[in-house]
Structures are given as C-alpha cells and as structure tokens.
Amino acid sequence: MAIVLEGLKEKRSVAEIYREHKISQTLYYRWWDKVLESEKRELINGPSDDNHYRAEIERLQKIICKQAIQIEI
C-alpha cells in the first residue's frame, strides 16, 4: 500500500517508483487496483456522506488517469 500511495503523492513519476522498488508496472497497477477497490468498499460501507465520497472517488480516478497517461508518454 505504501508504494501505491507514493504514486498518489505525485512528487515522482509512477515509473520511477516501480523501478526503485524493482517491481513491474503490471504489479504496481494490480496493487493500485486493489488499494482503490479496498478504499471504495470502505467508502461504500462506511458512514453515508455520499457527496464527499463521490468527490473523493472522482479525485482518485483523475489521478489514476493522469498517471496512466504519463507512463504511456
């Protein structure tokens, strides 16, 4: 989870992070998906402040798309 969170901080590229930790890009994004699914389940099953959670999910989705685009370039 800590490695995935490094990517969310946006201080370094995701490529730098997975190279530093000697993991594949595929493994990094598999972990990323698991972290987001876990967070999504927690948000859904937790207190119901729907607008806040939807906004947070949208924010995380934008970060994921931005990181994915940076890797493809």
N, C-alpha and C. Protein backbone atom coordinates (compact mmCIF):
# COMPACT_ATOMS: atom_id res chain seq x y z
N MET A 1 0.83 -1.19 0.00
CA MET A 1 0.00 0.00 0.00
C MET A 1 0.88 1.26 0.00
N ALA A 2 1.97 1.23 0.72
CA ALA A 2 2.85 2.39 0.80
C ALA A 2 3.42 2.76 -0.57
N ILE A 3 3.74 1.74 -1.36
CA ILE A 3 4.29 2.00 -2.70
C ILE A 3 3.24 2.66 -3.58
N VAL A 4 2.02 2.19 -3.50
CA VAL A 4 0.93 2.78 -4.28
C VAL A 4 0.69 4.21 -3.84
N LEU A 5 0.72 4.46 -2.55
CA LEU A 5 0.49 5.81 -2.05
C LEU A 5 1.58 6.78 -2.50
N GLU A 6 2.80 6.28 -2.69
CA GLU A 6 3.85 7.14 -3.23
C GLU A 6 3.43 7.72 -4.58
N GLY A 7 2.80 6.89 -5.40
CA GLY A 7 2.34 7.34 -6.72
C GLY A 7 1.24 8.36 -6.63
N LEU A 8 0.41 8.26 -5.62
CA LEU A 8 -0.69 9.21 -5.45
C LEU A 8 -0.19 10.58 -5.00
N LYS A 9 0.97 10.62 -4.38
CA LYS A 9 1.51 11.90 -3.91
C LYS A 9 1.95 12.79 -5.06
N GLU A 10 2.22 12.20 -6.21
CA GLU A 10 2.59 12.92 -7.44
C GLU A 10 3.89 13.71 -7.32
N LYS A 11 4.77 13.32 -6.41
CA LYS A 11 6.06 14.00 -6.31
C LYS A 11 7.06 13.42 -7.30
N ARG A 12 6.84 12.15 -7.65
CA ARG A 12 7.69 11.47 -8.62
C ARG A 12 6.78 10.70 -9.58
N SER A 13 7.32 10.34 -10.70
CA SER A 13 6.52 9.56 -11.65
C SER A 13 6.33 8.14 -11.12
N VAL A 14 5.27 7.54 -11.54
CA VAL A 14 4.99 6.16 -11.15
C VAL A 14 6.11 5.25 -11.67
N ALA A 15 6.59 5.53 -12.85
CA ALA A 15 7.68 4.71 -13.42
C ALA A 15 8.90 4.73 -12.50
N GLU A 16 9.25 5.88 -11.97
CA GLU A 16 10.38 5.97 -11.03
C GLU A 16 10.13 5.11 -9.80
N ILE A 17 8.92 5.13 -9.33
CA ILE A 17 8.57 4.41 -8.10
C ILE A 17 8.68 2.90 -8.32
N TYR A 18 8.08 2.38 -9.38
CA TYR A 18 8.14 0.92 -9.54
C TYR A 18 9.53 0.46 -9.92
N ARG A 19 10.32 1.28 -10.59
CA ARG A 19 11.72 0.90 -10.86
C ARG A 19 12.53 0.87 -9.57
N GLU A 20 12.34 1.88 -8.73
CA GLU A 20 13.06 1.94 -7.46
C GLU A 20 12.78 0.71 -6.60
N HIS A 21 11.55 0.26 -6.60
CA HIS A 21 11.16 -0.88 -5.77
C HIS A 21 11.32 -2.21 -6.50
N LYS A 22 11.84 -2.13 -7.73
CA LYS A 22 12.11 -3.32 -8.54
C LYS A 22 10.88 -4.21 -8.70
N ILE A 23 9.77 -3.56 -9.05
CA ILE A 23 8.54 -4.30 -9.36
C ILE A 23 8.11 -3.91 -10.77
N SER A 24 7.30 -4.74 -11.37
CA SER A 24 6.85 -4.45 -12.73
C SER A 24 5.73 -3.41 -12.70
N GLN A 25 5.55 -2.77 -13.83
CA GLN A 25 4.45 -1.82 -13.98
C GLN A 25 3.12 -2.52 -13.76
N THR A 26 3.00 -3.73 -14.28
CA THR A 26 1.78 -4.51 -14.12
C THR A 26 1.47 -4.77 -12.66
N LEU A 27 2.48 -5.17 -11.90
CA LEU A 27 2.28 -5.45 -10.48
C LEU A 27 1.88 -4.18 -9.74
N TYR A 28 2.56 -3.07 -10.06
CA TYR A 28 2.21 -1.80 -9.41
C TYR A 28 0.73 -1.50 -9.62
N TYR A 29 0.25 -1.58 -10.85
CA TYR A 29 -1.15 -1.23 -11.13
C TYR A 29 -2.13 -2.29 -10.59
N ARG A 30 -1.69 -3.52 -10.46
CA ARG A 30 -2.53 -4.53 -9.82
C ARG A 30 -2.73 -4.14 -8.35
N TRP A 31 -1.63 -3.74 -7.70
CA TRP A 31 -1.73 -3.28 -6.32
C TRP A 31 -2.60 -2.03 -6.23
N TRP A 32 -2.41 -1.12 -7.18
CA TRP A 32 -3.17 0.13 -7.23
C TRP A 32 -4.67 -0.18 -7.27
N ASP A 33 -5.03 -1.12 -8.15
CA ASP A 33 -6.44 -1.51 -8.26
C ASP A 33 -6.97 -2.07 -6.94
N LYS A 34 -6.17 -2.90 -6.27
CA LYS A 34 -6.59 -3.48 -5.01
C LYS A 34 -6.77 -2.41 -3.94
N VAL A 35 -5.86 -1.46 -3.88
CA VAL A 35 -5.97 -0.37 -2.90
C VAL A 35 -7.25 0.43 -3.17
N LEU A 36 -7.48 0.77 -4.42
CA LEU A 36 -8.67 1.56 -4.74
C LEU A 36 -9.96 0.79 -4.48
N GLU A 37 -9.96 -0.49 -4.79
CA GLU A 37 -11.15 -1.30 -4.51
C GLU A 37 -11.40 -1.38 -3.02
N SER A 38 -10.33 -1.54 -2.25
CA SER A 38 -10.46 -1.59 -0.80
C SER A 38 -11.01 -0.28 -0.26
N GLU A 39 -10.48 0.82 -0.75
CA GLU A 39 -10.94 2.14 -0.32
C GLU A 39 -12.40 2.36 -0.75
N LYS A 40 -12.71 1.92 -1.94
CA LYS A 40 -14.08 2.07 -2.45
C LYS A 40 -15.07 1.31 -1.56
N ARG A 41 -14.72 0.06 -1.22
CA ARG A 41 -15.58 -0.74 -0.33
C ARG A 41 -15.74 -0.05 1.03
N GLU A 42 -14.64 0.49 1.54
CA GLU A 42 -14.70 1.18 2.83
C GLU A 42 -15.59 2.42 2.74
N LEU A 43 -15.46 3.13 1.64
CA LEU A 43 -16.30 4.31 1.47
C LEU A 43 -17.77 3.95 1.35
N ILE A 44 -18.04 2.88 0.62
CA ILE A 44 -19.42 2.46 0.42
C ILE A 44 -20.03 1.94 1.72
N ASN A 45 -19.27 1.19 2.47
CA ASN A 45 -19.79 0.57 3.68
C ASN A 45 -19.69 1.46 4.91
N GLY A 46 -18.95 2.56 4.81
CA GLY A 46 -18.77 3.45 5.95
C GLY A 46 -19.94 4.41 6.09
N PRO A 47 -19.73 5.48 6.87
CA PRO A 47 -20.77 6.50 7.04
C PRO A 47 -21.23 7.04 5.69
N SER A 48 -22.47 7.43 5.59
CA SER A 48 -23.00 7.82 4.30
C SER A 48 -23.00 9.33 4.09
N ASP A 49 -21.86 9.83 3.75
CA ASP A 49 -21.74 11.21 3.29
C ASP A 49 -21.44 11.10 1.80
N ASP A 50 -22.47 10.75 1.03
CA ASP A 50 -22.31 10.38 -0.37
C ASP A 50 -21.58 11.41 -1.22
N ASN A 51 -21.89 12.67 -1.05
CA ASN A 51 -21.25 13.69 -1.89
C ASN A 51 -19.75 13.74 -1.65
N HIS A 52 -19.34 13.64 -0.40
CA HIS A 52 -17.91 13.65 -0.08
C HIS A 52 -17.22 12.44 -0.71
N TYR A 53 -17.82 11.26 -0.58
CA TYR A 53 -17.20 10.05 -1.10
C TYR A 53 -17.16 10.05 -2.61
N ARG A 54 -18.21 10.49 -3.23
CA ARG A 54 -18.20 10.56 -4.70
C ARG A 54 -17.12 11.51 -5.19
N ALA A 55 -16.98 12.63 -4.53
CA ALA A 55 -15.95 13.60 -4.91
C ALA A 55 -14.56 12.99 -4.73
N GLU A 56 -14.35 12.24 -3.66
CA GLU A 56 -13.06 11.61 -3.41
C GLU A 56 -12.77 10.53 -4.45
N ILE A 57 -13.75 9.74 -4.80
CA ILE A 57 -13.58 8.72 -5.83
C ILE A 57 -13.24 9.36 -7.17
N GLU A 58 -13.92 10.43 -7.52
CA GLU A 58 -13.63 11.14 -8.77
C GLU A 58 -12.22 11.71 -8.75
N ARG A 59 -11.80 12.25 -7.61
CA ARG A 59 -10.45 12.80 -7.48
C ARG A 59 -9.41 11.70 -7.70
N LEU A 60 -9.61 10.55 -7.10
CA LEU A 60 -8.67 9.44 -7.26
C LEU A 60 -8.67 8.91 -8.68
N GLN A 61 -9.82 8.86 -9.32
CA GLN A 61 -9.88 8.41 -10.71
C GLN A 61 -9.10 9.36 -11.62
N LYS A 62 -9.18 10.65 -11.38
CA LYS A 62 -8.43 11.62 -12.17
C LYS A 62 -6.94 11.42 -12.00
N ILE A 63 -6.51 11.15 -10.78
CA ILE A 63 -5.10 10.92 -10.50
C ILE A 63 -4.63 9.67 -11.26
N ILE A 64 -5.44 8.62 -11.23
CA ILE A 64 -5.08 7.39 -11.92
C ILE A 64 -4.93 7.63 -13.41
N CYS A 65 -5.87 8.33 -13.98
CA CYS A 65 -5.80 8.62 -15.43
C CYS A 65 -4.58 9.45 -15.76
N LYS A 66 -4.29 10.43 -14.94
CA LYS A 66 -3.12 11.29 -15.16
C LYS A 66 -1.84 10.46 -15.11
N GLN A 67 -1.72 9.58 -14.12
CA GLN A 67 -0.53 8.73 -14.00
C GLN A 67 -0.42 7.77 -15.17
N ALA A 68 -1.53 7.21 -15.61
CA ALA A 68 -1.52 6.28 -16.73
C ALA A 68 -1.06 6.97 -18.01
N ILE A 69 -1.50 8.20 -18.21
CA ILE A 69 -1.09 8.98 -19.39
C ILE A 69 0.40 9.26 -19.34
N GLN A 70 0.92 9.62 -18.17
CA GLN A 70 2.35 9.90 -18.03
C GLN A 70 3.19 8.69 -18.36
N ILE A 71 2.74 7.52 -18.00
CA ILE A 71 3.50 6.30 -18.27
C ILE A 71 3.51 5.99 -19.76
N GLU A 72 2.40 6.23 -20.44
CA GLU A 72 2.32 5.94 -21.87
C GLU A 72 3.18 6.86 -22.70
N ILE A 73 3.45 8.04 -22.18
CA ILE A 73 4.22 9.02 -22.95
C ILE A 73 5.65 8.69 -22.92
